[in-house]
Each structure stands twice: as C-alpha cells, then as structure tokens.
Amino acid sequence: MDKFTPEEIEEKKKAIFDAMGQRGQKQILKKGYENWNPFQEPKDPIDIRKDKTKRTTQVLIREFLSSVSHDNYSNTFAQGALEMSLGIINEDEKIRGMFEFACWYQDLLKKEGYDTP
C-alpha cells in the first residue's frame, strides 16, 4: 500500500468497511476503526508442534494405528490415542498422569505374571 497516498488508503479502507456486514463492522468499531488495518500482512502460521522424536501428532497417530490390527480397534480407540498424542505434544499434565499410570500398570501386570492388555 506504499504506492498510494494517505487519502487513497483511507478511501479504500472505508470502502472495505462499508462492504462488510454489520457484525464485522461492530467488531471493528469495538476495537477502534482508527486502529484497524485491513491491509496488514497475514501472520506466519503457528509452528507445527512436534514431540521429542520430532514427530507431529498426525505422524504419531499414523505410525501407532498402522502398528495395530485394524480389526482390533474402534473409532473410540483411535480417538483416545489421538487425545493422548495431543496431550503428550502439548505437555498436558492430565495426559502425562494417564501415561505414567498406564506404564506403571503395564509393569505391574508383567511383574505379577498377567498378560498385558
């Protein structure tokens, strides 16, 4: 927008504002029309989060579910795995507790001679 005069920029800004719906205009007015810049560059996308192994949630889930027989899991099973992977990558304390408990329980079952789930 550097090529335009301040008057031309204001004219274009007003045209964009006038073309908007009432709801959008109301949001802009709430924050302040003078602070609104419809010409600003878009922000960079959020960094894609990865775990310690440098895998994204999508990669983790794909690898995990491909290691399990499709006949042995349901959508609910896959949803639980997805929630766990998201929680691990986001370092969610609740998920960390669930993970630690599951590891502990698996070790307990092995120690006492039971088959693991």
PDB file of N, CA and C in Angstrom:
ATOM      1  N   MET A   1       0.819  -1.192   0.000  1.00  0.00           N
ATOM      2  CA  MET A   1       0.000   0.000   0.000  1.00  0.00           C
ATOM      3  C   MET A   1       0.869   1.265   0.000  1.00  0.00           C
ATOM      4  N   ASP A   2       2.171   1.098  -0.098  1.00  0.00           N
ATOM      5  CA  ASP A   2       3.072   2.248  -0.090  1.00  0.00           C
ATOM      6  C   ASP A   2       2.888   3.140  -1.313  1.00  0.00           C
ATOM      7  N   LYS A   3       2.309   2.595  -2.382  1.00  0.00           N
ATOM      8  CA  LYS A   3       2.172   3.346  -3.628  1.00  0.00           C
ATOM      9  C   LYS A   3       1.031   4.356  -3.569  1.00  0.00           C
ATOM     10  N   PHE A   4       0.185   4.270  -2.581  1.00  0.00           N
ATOM     11  CA  PHE A   4      -0.999   5.098  -2.508  1.00  0.00           C
ATOM     12  C   PHE A   4      -0.807   6.250  -1.527  1.00  0.00           C
ATOM     13  N   THR A   5      -1.529   7.319  -1.787  1.00  0.00           N
ATOM     14  CA  THR A   5      -1.492   8.461  -0.865  1.00  0.00           C
ATOM     15  C   THR A   5      -2.320   8.113   0.366  1.00  0.00           C
ATOM     16  N   PRO A   6      -2.112   8.815   1.480  1.00  0.00           N
ATOM     17  CA  PRO A   6      -2.918   8.557   2.676  1.00  0.00           C
ATOM     18  C   PRO A   6      -4.423   8.698   2.410  1.00  0.00           C
ATOM     19  N   GLU A   7      -4.792   9.621   1.547  1.00  0.00           N
ATOM     20  CA  GLU A   7      -6.205   9.805   1.218  1.00  0.00           C
ATOM     21  C   GLU A   7      -6.759   8.586   0.475  1.00  0.00           C
ATOM     22  N   GLU A   8      -5.967   8.054  -0.458  1.00  0.00           N
ATOM     23  CA  GLU A   8      -6.396   6.874  -1.216  1.00  0.00           C
ATOM     24  C   GLU A   8      -6.514   5.656  -0.298  1.00  0.00           C
ATOM     25  N   ILE A   9      -5.573   5.524   0.619  1.00  0.00           N
ATOM     26  CA  ILE A   9      -5.615   4.407   1.569  1.00  0.00           C
ATOM     27  C   ILE A   9      -6.866   4.508   2.425  1.00  0.00           C
ATOM     28  N   GLU A  10      -7.167   5.719   2.918  1.00  0.00           N
ATOM     29  CA  GLU A  10      -8.358   5.911   3.756  1.00  0.00           C
ATOM     30  C   GLU A  10      -9.627   5.634   2.954  1.00  0.00           C
ATOM     31  N   GLU A  11      -9.634   6.006   1.697  1.00  0.00           N
ATOM     32  CA  GLU A  11     -10.791   5.759   0.837  1.00  0.00           C
ATOM     33  C   GLU A  11     -11.007   4.248   0.648  1.00  0.00           C
ATOM     34  N   LYS A  12      -9.924   3.518   0.415  1.00  0.00           N
ATOM     35  CA  LYS A  12     -10.010   2.051   0.249  1.00  0.00           C
ATOM     36  C   LYS A  12     -10.439   1.389   1.565  1.00  0.00           C
ATOM     37  N   LYS A  13      -9.901   1.875   2.676  1.00  0.00           N
ATOM     38  CA  LYS A  13     -10.255   1.337   3.990  1.00  0.00           C
ATOM     39  C   LYS A  13     -11.746   1.519   4.242  1.00  0.00           C
ATOM     40  N   LYS A  14     -12.257   2.708   3.945  1.00  0.00           N
ATOM     41  CA  LYS A  14     -13.683   2.976   4.139  1.00  0.00           C
ATOM     42  C   LYS A  14     -14.533   2.099   3.225  1.00  0.00           C
ATOM     43  N   ALA A  15     -14.085   1.894   1.989  1.00  0.00           N
ATOM     44  CA  ALA A  15     -14.827   1.043   1.051  1.00  0.00           C
ATOM     45  C   ALA A  15     -14.894  -0.401   1.564  1.00  0.00           C
ATOM     46  N   ILE A  16     -13.787  -0.882   2.118  1.00  0.00           N
ATOM     47  CA  ILE A  16     -13.771  -2.244   2.675  1.00  0.00           C
ATOM     48  C   ILE A  16     -14.723  -2.313   3.864  1.00  0.00           C
ATOM     49  N   PHE A  17     -14.640  -1.320   4.738  1.00  0.00           N
ATOM     50  CA  PHE A  17     -15.501  -1.279   5.922  1.00  0.00           C
ATOM     51  C   PHE A  17     -16.975  -1.236   5.525  1.00  0.00           C
ATOM     52  N   ASP A  18     -17.308  -0.385   4.570  1.00  0.00           N
ATOM     53  CA  ASP A  18     -18.698  -0.242   4.139  1.00  0.00           C
ATOM     54  C   ASP A  18     -19.232  -1.511   3.481  1.00  0.00           C
ATOM     55  N   ALA A  19     -18.361  -2.288   2.867  1.00  0.00           N
ATOM     56  CA  ALA A  19     -18.780  -3.520   2.196  1.00  0.00           C
ATOM     57  C   ALA A  19     -18.988  -4.673   3.184  1.00  0.00           C
ATOM     58  N   MET A  20     -18.528  -4.502   4.402  1.00  0.00           N
ATOM     59  CA  MET A  20     -18.643  -5.558   5.411  1.00  0.00           C
ATOM     60  C   MET A  20     -20.056  -5.632   5.961  1.00  0.00           C
ATOM     61  N   GLY A  21     -20.375  -6.748   6.555  1.00  0.00           N
ATOM     62  CA  GLY A  21     -21.645  -6.898   7.241  1.00  0.00           C
ATOM     63  C   GLY A  21     -21.638  -6.136   8.556  1.00  0.00           C
ATOM     64  N   GLN A  22     -22.819  -5.967   9.117  1.00  0.00           N
ATOM     65  CA  GLN A  22     -22.942  -5.219  10.376  1.00  0.00           C
ATOM     66  C   GLN A  22     -22.137  -5.858  11.502  1.00  0.00           C
ATOM     67  N   ARG A  23     -22.127  -7.171  11.538  1.00  0.00           N
ATOM     68  CA  ARG A  23     -21.408  -7.872  12.613  1.00  0.00           C
ATOM     69  C   ARG A  23     -19.906  -7.578  12.563  1.00  0.00           C
ATOM     70  N   GLY A  24     -19.337  -7.642  11.354  1.00  0.00           N
ATOM     71  CA  GLY A  24     -17.913  -7.339  11.195  1.00  0.00           C
ATOM     72  C   GLY A  24     -17.603  -5.901  11.536  1.00  0.00           C
ATOM     73  N   GLN A  25     -18.465  -4.993  11.089  1.00  0.00           N
ATOM     74  CA  GLN A  25     -18.271  -3.581  11.399  1.00  0.00           C
ATOM     75  C   GLN A  25     -18.317  -3.342  12.907  1.00  0.00           C
ATOM     76  N   LYS A  26     -19.242  -4.010  13.567  1.00  0.00           N
ATOM     77  CA  LYS A  26     -19.389  -3.853  15.013  1.00  0.00           C
ATOM     78  C   LYS A  26     -18.103  -4.285  15.738  1.00  0.00           C
ATOM     79  N   GLN A  27     -17.496  -5.399  15.284  1.00  0.00           N
ATOM     80  CA  GLN A  27     -16.248  -5.878  15.889  1.00  0.00           C
ATOM     81  C   GLN A  27     -15.128  -4.854  15.701  1.00  0.00           C
ATOM     82  N   ILE A  28     -15.046  -4.282  14.518  1.00  0.00           N
ATOM     83  CA  ILE A  28     -14.003  -3.291  14.245  1.00  0.00           C
ATOM     84  C   ILE A  28     -14.224  -2.035  15.089  1.00  0.00           C
ATOM     85  N   LEU A  29     -15.457  -1.584  15.168  1.00  0.00           N
ATOM     86  CA  LEU A  29     -15.754  -0.382  15.956  1.00  0.00           C
ATOM     87  C   LEU A  29     -15.469  -0.605  17.436  1.00  0.00           C
ATOM     88  N   LYS A  30     -15.685  -1.843  17.896  1.00  0.00           N
ATOM     89  CA  LYS A  30     -15.418  -2.154  19.298  1.00  0.00           C
ATOM     90  C   LYS A  30     -13.921  -1.989  19.611  1.00  0.00           C
ATOM     91  N   LYS A  31     -13.072  -2.385  18.668  1.00  0.00           N
ATOM     92  CA  LYS A  31     -11.613  -2.277  18.861  1.00  0.00           C
ATOM     93  C   LYS A  31     -11.087  -0.902  18.458  1.00  0.00           C
ATOM     94  N   GLY A  32     -11.859  -0.204  17.644  1.00  0.00           N
ATOM     95  CA  GLY A  32     -11.445   1.131  17.195  1.00  0.00           C
ATOM     96  C   GLY A  32     -11.133   1.138  15.711  1.00  0.00           C
ATOM     97  N   TYR A  33     -11.943   1.859  14.955  1.00  0.00           N
ATOM     98  CA  TYR A  33     -11.771   1.936  13.499  1.00  0.00           C
ATOM     99  C   TYR A  33     -10.375   2.447  13.144  1.00  0.00           C
ATOM    100  N   GLU A  34      -9.892   3.431  13.897  1.00  0.00           N
ATOM    101  CA  GLU A  34      -8.585   4.026  13.599  1.00  0.00           C
ATOM    102  C   GLU A  34      -7.435   3.035  13.796  1.00  0.00           C
ATOM    103  N   ASN A  35      -7.635   2.029  14.643  1.00  0.00           N
ATOM    104  CA  ASN A  35      -6.597   1.010  14.882  1.00  0.00           C
ATOM    105  C   ASN A  35      -6.666  -0.137  13.880  1.00  0.00           C
ATOM    106  N   TRP A  36      -7.736  -0.221  13.149  1.00  0.00           N
ATOM    107  CA  TRP A  36      -7.955  -1.323  12.211  1.00  0.00           C
ATOM    108  C   TRP A  36      -7.145  -1.116  10.941  1.00  0.00           C
ATOM    109  N   ASN A  37      -6.406  -2.145  10.543  1.00  0.00           N
ATOM    110  CA  ASN A  37      -5.616  -2.080   9.315  1.00  0.00           C
ATOM    111  C   ASN A  37      -5.993  -3.262   8.427  1.00  0.00           C
ATOM    112  N   PRO A  38      -6.874  -3.049   7.450  1.00  0.00           N
ATOM    113  CA  PRO A  38      -7.280  -4.160   6.592  1.00  0.00           C
ATOM    114  C   PRO A  38      -6.200  -4.557   5.592  1.00  0.00           C
ATOM    115  N   PHE A  39      -5.088  -3.833   5.561  1.00  0.00           N
ATOM    116  CA  PHE A  39      -4.033  -4.096   4.583  1.00  0.00           C
ATOM    117  C   PHE A  39      -2.814  -4.777   5.184  1.00  0.00           C
ATOM    118  N   GLN A  40      -2.871  -5.137   6.477  1.00  0.00           N
ATOM    119  CA  GLN A  40      -1.689  -5.733   7.103  1.00  0.00           C
ATOM    120  C   GLN A  40      -1.425  -7.122   6.536  1.00  0.00           C
ATOM    121  N   GLU A  41      -0.169  -7.499   6.530  1.00  0.00           N
ATOM    122  CA  GLU A  41       0.248  -8.804   6.023  1.00  0.00           C
ATOM    123  C   GLU A  41      -0.276  -9.895   6.947  1.00  0.00           C
ATOM    124  N   PRO A  42      -0.631 -11.049   6.382  1.00  0.00           N
ATOM    125  CA  PRO A  42      -1.072 -12.154   7.251  1.00  0.00           C
ATOM    126  C   PRO A  42       0.081 -12.629   8.131  1.00  0.00           C
ATOM    127  N   LYS A  43      -0.284 -13.130   9.296  1.00  0.00           N
ATOM    128  CA  LYS A  43       0.730 -13.635  10.228  1.00  0.00           C
ATOM    129  C   LYS A  43       1.234 -14.987   9.750  1.00  0.00           C
ATOM    130  N   ASP A  44       2.465 -15.305  10.143  1.00  0.00           N
ATOM    131  CA  ASP A  44       3.020 -16.613   9.806  1.00  0.00           C
ATOM    132  C   ASP A  44       2.233 -17.692  10.529  1.00  0.00           C
ATOM    133  N   PRO A  45       2.103 -18.871   9.913  1.00  0.00           N
ATOM    134  CA  PRO A  45       1.377 -19.951  10.591  1.00  0.00           C
ATOM    135  C   PRO A  45       2.108 -20.369  11.868  1.00  0.00           C
ATOM    136  N   ILE A  46       1.341 -20.891  12.801  1.00  0.00           N
ATOM    137  CA  ILE A  46       1.919 -21.366  14.056  1.00  0.00           C
ATOM    138  C   ILE A  46       2.894 -22.492  13.742  1.00  0.00           C
ATOM    139  N   ASP A  47       3.994 -22.532  14.473  1.00  0.00           N
ATOM    140  CA  ASP A  47       4.927 -23.640  14.304  1.00  0.00           C
ATOM    141  C   ASP A  47       4.193 -24.941  14.550  1.00  0.00           C
ATOM    142  N   ILE A  48       4.456 -25.895  13.702  1.00  0.00           N
ATOM    143  CA  ILE A  48       3.834 -27.196  13.884  1.00  0.00           C
ATOM    144  C   ILE A  48       4.548 -27.872  15.045  1.00  0.00           C
ATOM    145  N   ARG A  49       3.763 -28.244  16.044  1.00  0.00           N
ATOM    146  CA  ARG A  49       4.344 -28.835  17.247  1.00  0.00           C
ATOM    147  C   ARG A  49       4.775 -30.266  16.994  1.00  0.00           C
ATOM    148  N   LYS A  50       5.893 -30.604  17.594  1.00  0.00           N
ATOM    149  CA  LYS A  50       6.441 -31.948  17.462  1.00  0.00           C
ATOM    150  C   LYS A  50       6.852 -32.445  18.842  1.00  0.00           C
ATOM    151  N   ASP A  51       6.926 -33.766  18.964  1.00  0.00           N
ATOM    152  CA  ASP A  51       7.359 -34.347  20.233  1.00  0.00           C
ATOM    153  C   ASP A  51       8.874 -34.453  20.256  1.00  0.00           C
ATOM    154  N   LYS A  52       9.403 -35.132  21.260  1.00  0.00           N
ATOM    155  CA  LYS A  52      10.855 -35.278  21.407  1.00  0.00           C
ATOM    156  C   LYS A  52      11.489 -36.036  20.247  1.00  0.00           C
ATOM    157  N   THR A  53      10.686 -36.866  19.577  1.00  0.00           N
ATOM    158  CA  THR A  53      11.212 -37.641  18.446  1.00  0.00           C
ATOM    159  C   THR A  53      11.083 -36.880  17.133  1.00  0.00           C
ATOM    160  N   LYS A  54      10.640 -35.631  17.211  1.00  0.00           N
ATOM    161  CA  LYS A  54      10.443 -34.750  16.051  1.00  0.00           C
ATOM    162  C   LYS A  54       9.284 -35.186  15.166  1.00  0.00           C
ATOM    163  N   ARG A  55       8.293 -35.871  15.761  1.00  0.00           N
ATOM    164  CA  ARG A  55       7.107 -36.290  15.024  1.00  0.00           C
ATOM    165  C   ARG A  55       5.932 -35.400  15.398  1.00  0.00           C
ATOM    166  N   THR A  56       5.082 -35.130  14.423  1.00  0.00           N
ATOM    167  CA  THR A  56       3.844 -34.401  14.693  1.00  0.00           C
ATOM    168  C   THR A  56       2.813 -35.390  15.227  1.00  0.00           C
ATOM    169  N   THR A  57       1.716 -34.851  15.738  1.00  0.00           N
ATOM    170  CA  THR A  57       0.623 -35.695  16.223  1.00  0.00           C
ATOM    171  C   THR A  57       0.134 -36.604  15.111  1.00  0.00           C
ATOM    172  N   GLN A  58      -0.012 -36.051  13.921  1.00  0.00           N
ATOM    173  CA  GLN A  58      -0.510 -36.831  12.783  1.00  0.00           C
ATOM    174  C   GLN A  58       0.414 -38.006  12.473  1.00  0.00           C
ATOM    175  N   VAL A  59       1.709 -37.772  12.502  1.00  0.00           N
ATOM    176  CA  VAL A  59       2.667 -38.847  12.223  1.00  0.00           C
ATOM    177  C   VAL A  59       2.617 -39.899  13.324  1.00  0.00           C
ATOM    178  N   LEU A  60       2.567 -39.450  14.587  1.00  0.00           N
ATOM    179  CA  LEU A  60       2.498 -40.396  15.700  1.00  0.00           C
ATOM    180  C   LEU A  60       1.274 -41.303  15.580  1.00  0.00           C
ATOM    181  N   ILE A  61       0.123 -40.714  15.311  1.00  0.00           N
ATOM    182  CA  ILE A  61      -1.112 -41.491  15.218  1.00  0.00           C
ATOM    183  C   ILE A  61      -1.051 -42.457  14.043  1.00  0.00           C
ATOM    184  N   ARG A  62      -0.576 -41.979  12.910  1.00  0.00           N
ATOM    185  CA  ARG A  62      -0.478 -42.849  11.734  1.00  0.00           C
ATOM    186  C   ARG A  62       0.419 -44.052  12.028  1.00  0.00           C
ATOM    187  N   GLU A  63       1.585 -43.791  12.639  1.00  0.00           N
ATOM    188  CA  GLU A  63       2.512 -44.895  12.959  1.00  0.00           C
ATOM    189  C   GLU A  63       1.895 -45.842  13.984  1.00  0.00           C
ATOM    190  N   PHE A  64       1.262 -45.277  15.013  1.00  0.00           N
ATOM    191  CA  PHE A  64       0.669 -46.120  16.055  1.00  0.00           C
ATOM    192  C   PHE A  64      -0.443 -46.990  15.491  1.00  0.00           C
ATOM    193  N   LEU A  65      -1.387 -46.381  14.776  1.00  0.00           N
ATOM    194  CA  LEU A  65      -2.527 -47.152  14.267  1.00  0.00           C
ATOM    195  C   LEU A  65      -2.107 -48.168  13.203  1.00  0.00           C
ATOM    196  N   SER A  66      -1.025 -47.896  12.477  1.00  0.00           N
ATOM    197  CA  SER A  66      -0.564 -48.887  11.499  1.00  0.00           C
ATOM    198  C   SER A  66       0.114 -50.073  12.194  1.00  0.00           C
ATOM    199  N   SER A  67       0.484 -49.881  13.465  1.00  0.00           N
ATOM    200  CA  SER A  67       1.109 -50.977  14.206  1.00  0.00           C
ATOM    201  C   SER A  67       0.075 -51.884  14.873  1.00  0.00           C
ATOM    202  N   VAL A  68      -1.190 -51.474  14.833  1.00  0.00           N
ATOM    203  CA  VAL A  68      -2.283 -52.220  15.453  1.00  0.00           C
ATOM    204  C   VAL A  68      -3.165 -52.768  14.339  1.00  0.00           C
ATOM    205  N   SER A  69      -3.616 -54.001  14.500  1.00  0.00           N
ATOM    206  CA  SER A  69      -4.512 -54.588  13.509  1.00  0.00           C
ATOM    207  C   SER A  69      -5.787 -53.762  13.438  1.00  0.00           C
ATOM    208  N   HIS A  70      -6.211 -53.424  12.235  1.00  0.00           N
ATOM    209  CA  HIS A  70      -7.412 -52.600  12.046  1.00  0.00           C
ATOM    210  C   HIS A  70      -8.638 -53.273  12.661  1.00  0.00           C
ATOM    211  N   ASP A  71      -8.642 -54.581  12.717  1.00  0.00           N
ATOM    212  CA  ASP A  71      -9.761 -55.305  13.308  1.00  0.00           C
ATOM    213  C   ASP A  71      -9.806 -55.153  14.825  1.00  0.00           C
ATOM    214  N   ASN A  72      -8.686 -54.748  15.417  1.00  0.00           N
ATOM    215  CA  ASN A  72      -8.591 -54.694  16.873  1.00  0.00           C
ATOM    216  C   ASN A  72      -8.863 -53.318  17.475  1.00  0.00           C
ATOM    217  N   TYR A  73      -9.231 -52.338  16.675  1.00  0.00           N
ATOM    218  CA  TYR A  73      -9.525 -51.041  17.277  1.00  0.00           C
ATOM    219  C   TYR A  73     -10.746 -50.379  16.639  1.00  0.00           C
ATOM    220  N   SER A  74     -11.395 -49.560  17.453  1.00  0.00           N
ATOM    221  CA  SER A  74     -12.593 -48.846  17.033  1.00  0.00           C
ATOM    222  C   SER A  74     -12.255 -47.362  16.869  1.00  0.00           C
ATOM    223  N   ASN A  75     -13.246 -46.593  16.473  1.00  0.00           N
ATOM    224  CA  ASN A  75     -13.057 -45.145  16.388  1.00  0.00           C
ATOM    225  C   ASN A  75     -12.760 -44.558  17.763  1.00  0.00           C
ATOM    226  N   THR A  76     -13.391 -45.118  18.791  1.00  0.00           N
ATOM    227  CA  THR A  76     -13.161 -44.639  20.157  1.00  0.00           C
ATOM    228  C   THR A  76     -11.715 -44.895  20.572  1.00  0.00           C
ATOM    229  N   PHE A  77     -11.195 -46.057  20.215  1.00  0.00           N
ATOM    230  CA  PHE A  77      -9.799 -46.406  20.497  1.00  0.00           C
ATOM    231  C   PHE A  77      -8.872 -45.397  19.813  1.00  0.00           C
ATOM    232  N   ALA A  78      -9.118 -45.134  18.534  1.00  0.00           N
ATOM    233  CA  ALA A  78      -8.282 -44.200  17.775  1.00  0.00           C
ATOM    234  C   ALA A  78      -8.393 -42.790  18.351  1.00  0.00           C
ATOM    235  N   GLN A  79      -9.597 -42.395  18.780  1.00  0.00           N
ATOM    236  CA  GLN A  79      -9.796 -41.078  19.384  1.00  0.00           C
ATOM    237  C   GLN A  79      -9.004 -40.949  20.679  1.00  0.00           C
ATOM    238  N   GLY A  80      -8.996 -42.004  21.485  1.00  0.00           N
ATOM    239  CA  GLY A  80      -8.209 -41.993  22.719  1.00  0.00           C
ATOM    240  C   GLY A  80      -6.724 -41.843  22.440  1.00  0.00           C
ATOM    241  N   ALA A  81      -6.252 -42.552  21.428  1.00  0.00           N
ATOM    242  CA  ALA A  81      -4.837 -42.449  21.054  1.00  0.00           C
ATOM    243  C   ALA A  81      -4.515 -41.034  20.571  1.00  0.00           C
ATOM    244  N   LEU A  82      -5.417 -40.444  19.808  1.00  0.00           N
ATOM    245  CA  LEU A  82      -5.209 -39.080  19.322  1.00  0.00           C
ATOM    246  C   LEU A  82      -5.153 -38.096  20.490  1.00  0.00           C
ATOM    247  N   GLU A  83      -6.060 -38.233  21.442  1.00  0.00           N
ATOM    248  CA  GLU A  83      -6.049 -37.355  22.616  1.00  0.00           C
ATOM    249  C   GLU A  83      -4.752 -37.496  23.399  1.00  0.00           C
ATOM    250  N   MET A  84      -4.284 -38.714  23.530  1.00  0.00           N
ATOM    251  CA  MET A  84      -3.012 -38.931  24.238  1.00  0.00           C
ATOM    252  C   MET A  84      -1.858 -38.266  23.489  1.00  0.00           C
ATOM    253  N   SER A  85      -1.802 -38.420  22.172  1.00  0.00           N
ATOM    254  CA  SER A  85      -0.694 -37.841  21.419  1.00  0.00           C
ATOM    255  C   SER A  85      -0.726 -36.315  21.484  1.00  0.00           C
ATOM    256  N   LEU A  86      -1.919 -35.732  21.376  1.00  0.00           N
ATOM    257  CA  LEU A  86      -2.028 -34.277  21.507  1.00  0.00           C
ATOM    258  C   LEU A  86      -1.570 -33.819  22.890  1.00  0.00           C
ATOM    259  N   GLY A  87      -1.989 -34.550  23.912  1.00  0.00           N
ATOM    260  CA  GLY A  87      -1.605 -34.203  25.278  1.00  0.00           C
ATOM    261  C   GLY A  87      -0.122 -34.322  25.524  1.00  0.00           C
ATOM    262  N   ILE A  88       0.483 -35.342  24.942  1.00  0.00           N
ATOM    263  CA  ILE A  88       1.932 -35.528  25.108  1.00  0.00           C
ATOM    264  C   ILE A  88       2.688 -34.390  24.430  1.00  0.00           C
ATOM    265  N   ILE A  89       2.301 -34.062  23.210  1.00  0.00           N
ATOM    266  CA  ILE A  89       2.990 -32.994  22.485  1.00  0.00           C
ATOM    267  C   ILE A  89       2.782 -31.645  23.168  1.00  0.00           C
ATOM    268  N   ASN A  90       1.584 -31.418  23.719  1.00  0.00           N
ATOM    269  CA  ASN A  90       1.294 -30.153  24.402  1.00  0.00           C
ATOM    270  C   ASN A  90       1.707 -30.154  25.872  1.00  0.00           C
ATOM    271  N   GLU A  91       2.311 -31.245  26.315  1.00  0.00           N
ATOM    272  CA  GLU A  91       2.786 -31.405  27.694  1.00  0.00           C
ATOM    273  C   GLU A  91       1.673 -31.172  28.710  1.00  0.00           C
ATOM    274  N   ASP A  92       0.519 -31.764  28.447  1.00  0.00           N
ATOM    275  CA  ASP A  92      -0.650 -31.670  29.314  1.00  0.00           C
ATOM    276  C   ASP A  92      -0.434 -32.558  30.545  1.00  0.00           C
ATOM    277  N   GLU A  93      -0.557 -31.983  31.735  1.00  0.00           N
ATOM    278  CA  GLU A  93      -0.313 -32.726  32.980  1.00  0.00           C
ATOM    279  C   GLU A  93      -1.287 -33.893  33.157  1.00  0.00           C
ATOM    280  N   LYS A  94      -2.537 -33.714  32.786  1.00  0.00           N
ATOM    281  CA  LYS A  94      -3.527 -34.785  32.908  1.00  0.00           C
ATOM    282  C   LYS A  94      -3.105 -35.983  32.049  1.00  0.00           C
ATOM    283  N   ILE A  95      -2.722 -35.722  30.820  1.00  0.00           N
ATOM    284  CA  ILE A  95      -2.306 -36.801  29.917  1.00  0.00           C
ATOM    285  C   ILE A  95      -1.015 -37.437  30.415  1.00  0.00           C
ATOM    286  N   ARG A  96      -0.114 -36.629  30.936  1.00  0.00           N
ATOM    287  CA  ARG A  96       1.135 -37.172  31.481  1.00  0.00           C
ATOM    288  C   ARG A  96       0.843 -38.141  32.621  1.00  0.00           C
ATOM    289  N   GLY A  97      -0.115 -37.774  33.489  1.00  0.00           N
ATOM    290  CA  GLY A  97      -0.512 -38.662  34.579  1.00  0.00           C
ATOM    291  C   GLY A  97      -1.109 -39.956  34.058  1.00  0.00           C
ATOM    292  N   MET A  98      -1.954 -39.858  33.034  1.00  0.00           N
ATOM    293  CA  MET A  98      -2.559 -41.052  32.439  1.00  0.00           C
ATOM    294  C   MET A  98      -1.483 -41.950  31.817  1.00  0.00           C
ATOM    295  N   PHE A  99      -0.537 -41.330  31.134  1.00  0.00           N
ATOM    296  CA  PHE A  99       0.553 -42.077  30.503  1.00  0.00           C
ATOM    297  C   PHE A  99       1.404 -42.790  31.556  1.00  0.00           C
ATOM    298  N   GLU A 100       1.797 -42.042  32.591  1.00  0.00           N
ATOM    299  CA  GLU A 100       2.622 -42.634  33.656  1.00  0.00           C
ATOM    300  C   GLU A 100       1.882 -43.790  34.332  1.00  0.00           C
ATOM    301  N   PHE A 101       0.585 -43.609  34.588  1.00  0.00           N
ATOM    302  CA  PHE A 101      -0.191 -44.678  35.203  1.00  0.00           C
ATOM    303  C   PHE A 101      -0.238 -45.904  34.297  1.00  0.00           C
ATOM    304  N   ALA A 102      -0.479 -45.704  32.990  1.00  0.00           N
ATOM    305  CA  ALA A 102      -0.551 -46.827  32.061  1.00  0.00           C
ATOM    306  C   ALA A 102       0.770 -47.595  32.016  1.00  0.00           C
ATOM    307  N   CYS A 103       1.886 -46.878  32.010  1.00  0.00           N
ATOM    308  CA  CYS A 103       3.208 -47.535  32.020  1.00  0.00           C
ATOM    309  C   CYS A 103       3.405 -48.321  33.319  1.00  0.00           C
ATOM    310  N   TRP A 104       3.063 -47.690  34.442  1.00  0.00           N
ATOM    311  CA  TRP A 104       3.195 -48.337  35.748  1.00  0.00           C
ATOM    312  C   TRP A 104       2.328 -49.597  35.811  1.00  0.00           C
ATOM    313  N   TYR A 105       1.086 -49.496  35.330  1.00  0.00           N
ATOM    314  CA  TYR A 105       0.158 -50.619  35.379  1.00  0.00           C
ATOM    315  C   TYR A 105       0.636 -51.771  34.494  1.00  0.00           C
ATOM    316  N   GLN A 106       1.170 -51.445  33.336  1.00  0.00           N
ATOM    317  CA  GLN A 106       1.692 -52.493  32.458  1.00  0.00           C
ATOM    318  C   GLN A 106       2.854 -53.219  33.142  1.00  0.00           C
ATOM    319  N   ASP A 107       3.745 -52.478  33.782  1.00  0.00           N
ATOM    320  CA  ASP A 107       4.854 -53.094  34.517  1.00  0.00           C
ATOM    321  C   ASP A 107       4.336 -53.964  35.660  1.00  0.00           C
ATOM    322  N   LEU A 108       3.302 -53.498  36.379  1.00  0.00           N
ATOM    323  CA  LEU A 108       2.714 -54.264  37.473  1.00  0.00           C
ATOM    324  C   LEU A 108       2.155 -55.600  36.957  1.00  0.00           C
ATOM    325  N   LEU A 109       1.430 -55.538  35.854  1.00  0.00           N
ATOM    326  CA  LEU A 109       0.864 -56.767  35.278  1.00  0.00           C
ATOM    327  C   LEU A 109       1.955 -57.752  34.888  1.00  0.00           C
ATOM    328  N   LYS A 110       3.024 -57.260  34.275  1.00  0.00           N
ATOM    329  CA  LYS A 110       4.125 -58.141  33.884  1.00  0.00           C
ATOM    330  C   LYS A 110       4.781 -58.758  35.118  1.00  0.00           C
ATOM    331  N   LYS A 111       5.011 -57.931  36.120  1.00  0.00           N
ATOM    332  CA  LYS A 111       5.681 -58.371  37.342  1.00  0.00           C
ATOM    333  C   LYS A 111       4.881 -59.468  38.041  1.00  0.00           C
ATOM    334  N   GLU A 112       3.556 -59.368  37.983  1.00  0.00           N
ATOM    335  CA  GLU A 112       2.703 -60.347  38.654  1.00  0.00           C
ATOM    336  C   GLU A 112       2.267 -61.486  37.742  1.00  0.00           C
ATOM    337  N   GLY A 113       2.826 -61.529  36.519  1.00  0.00           N
ATOM    338  CA  GLY A 113       2.586 -62.653  35.626  1.00  0.00           C
ATOM    339  C   GLY A 113       1.290 -62.628  34.829  1.00  0.00           C
ATOM    340  N   TYR A 114       0.691 -61.485  34.713  1.00  0.00           N
ATOM    341  CA  TYR A 114      -0.540 -61.370  33.925  1.00  0.00           C
ATOM    342  C   TYR A 114      -0.206 -60.921  32.507  1.00  0.00           C
ATOM    343  N   ASP A 115      -1.114 -61.268  31.577  1.00  0.00           N
ATOM    344  CA  ASP A 115      -0.985 -60.758  30.215  1.00  0.00           C
ATOM    345  C   ASP A 115      -1.310 -59.274  30.233  1.00  0.00           C
ATOM    346  N   THR A 116      -0.598 -58.519  29.428  1.00  0.00           N
ATOM    347  CA  THR A 116      -0.903 -57.093  29.365  1.00  0.00           C
ATOM    348  C   THR A 116      -2.050 -56.867  28.386  1.00  0.00           C
ATOM    349  N   PRO A 117      -2.823 -55.804  28.602  1.00  0.00           N
ATOM    350  CA  PRO A 117      -3.973 -55.555  27.729  1.00  0.00           C
ATOM    351  C   PRO A 117      -3.569 -55.285  26.295  1.00  0.00           C
TER     352      PRO A 117
END
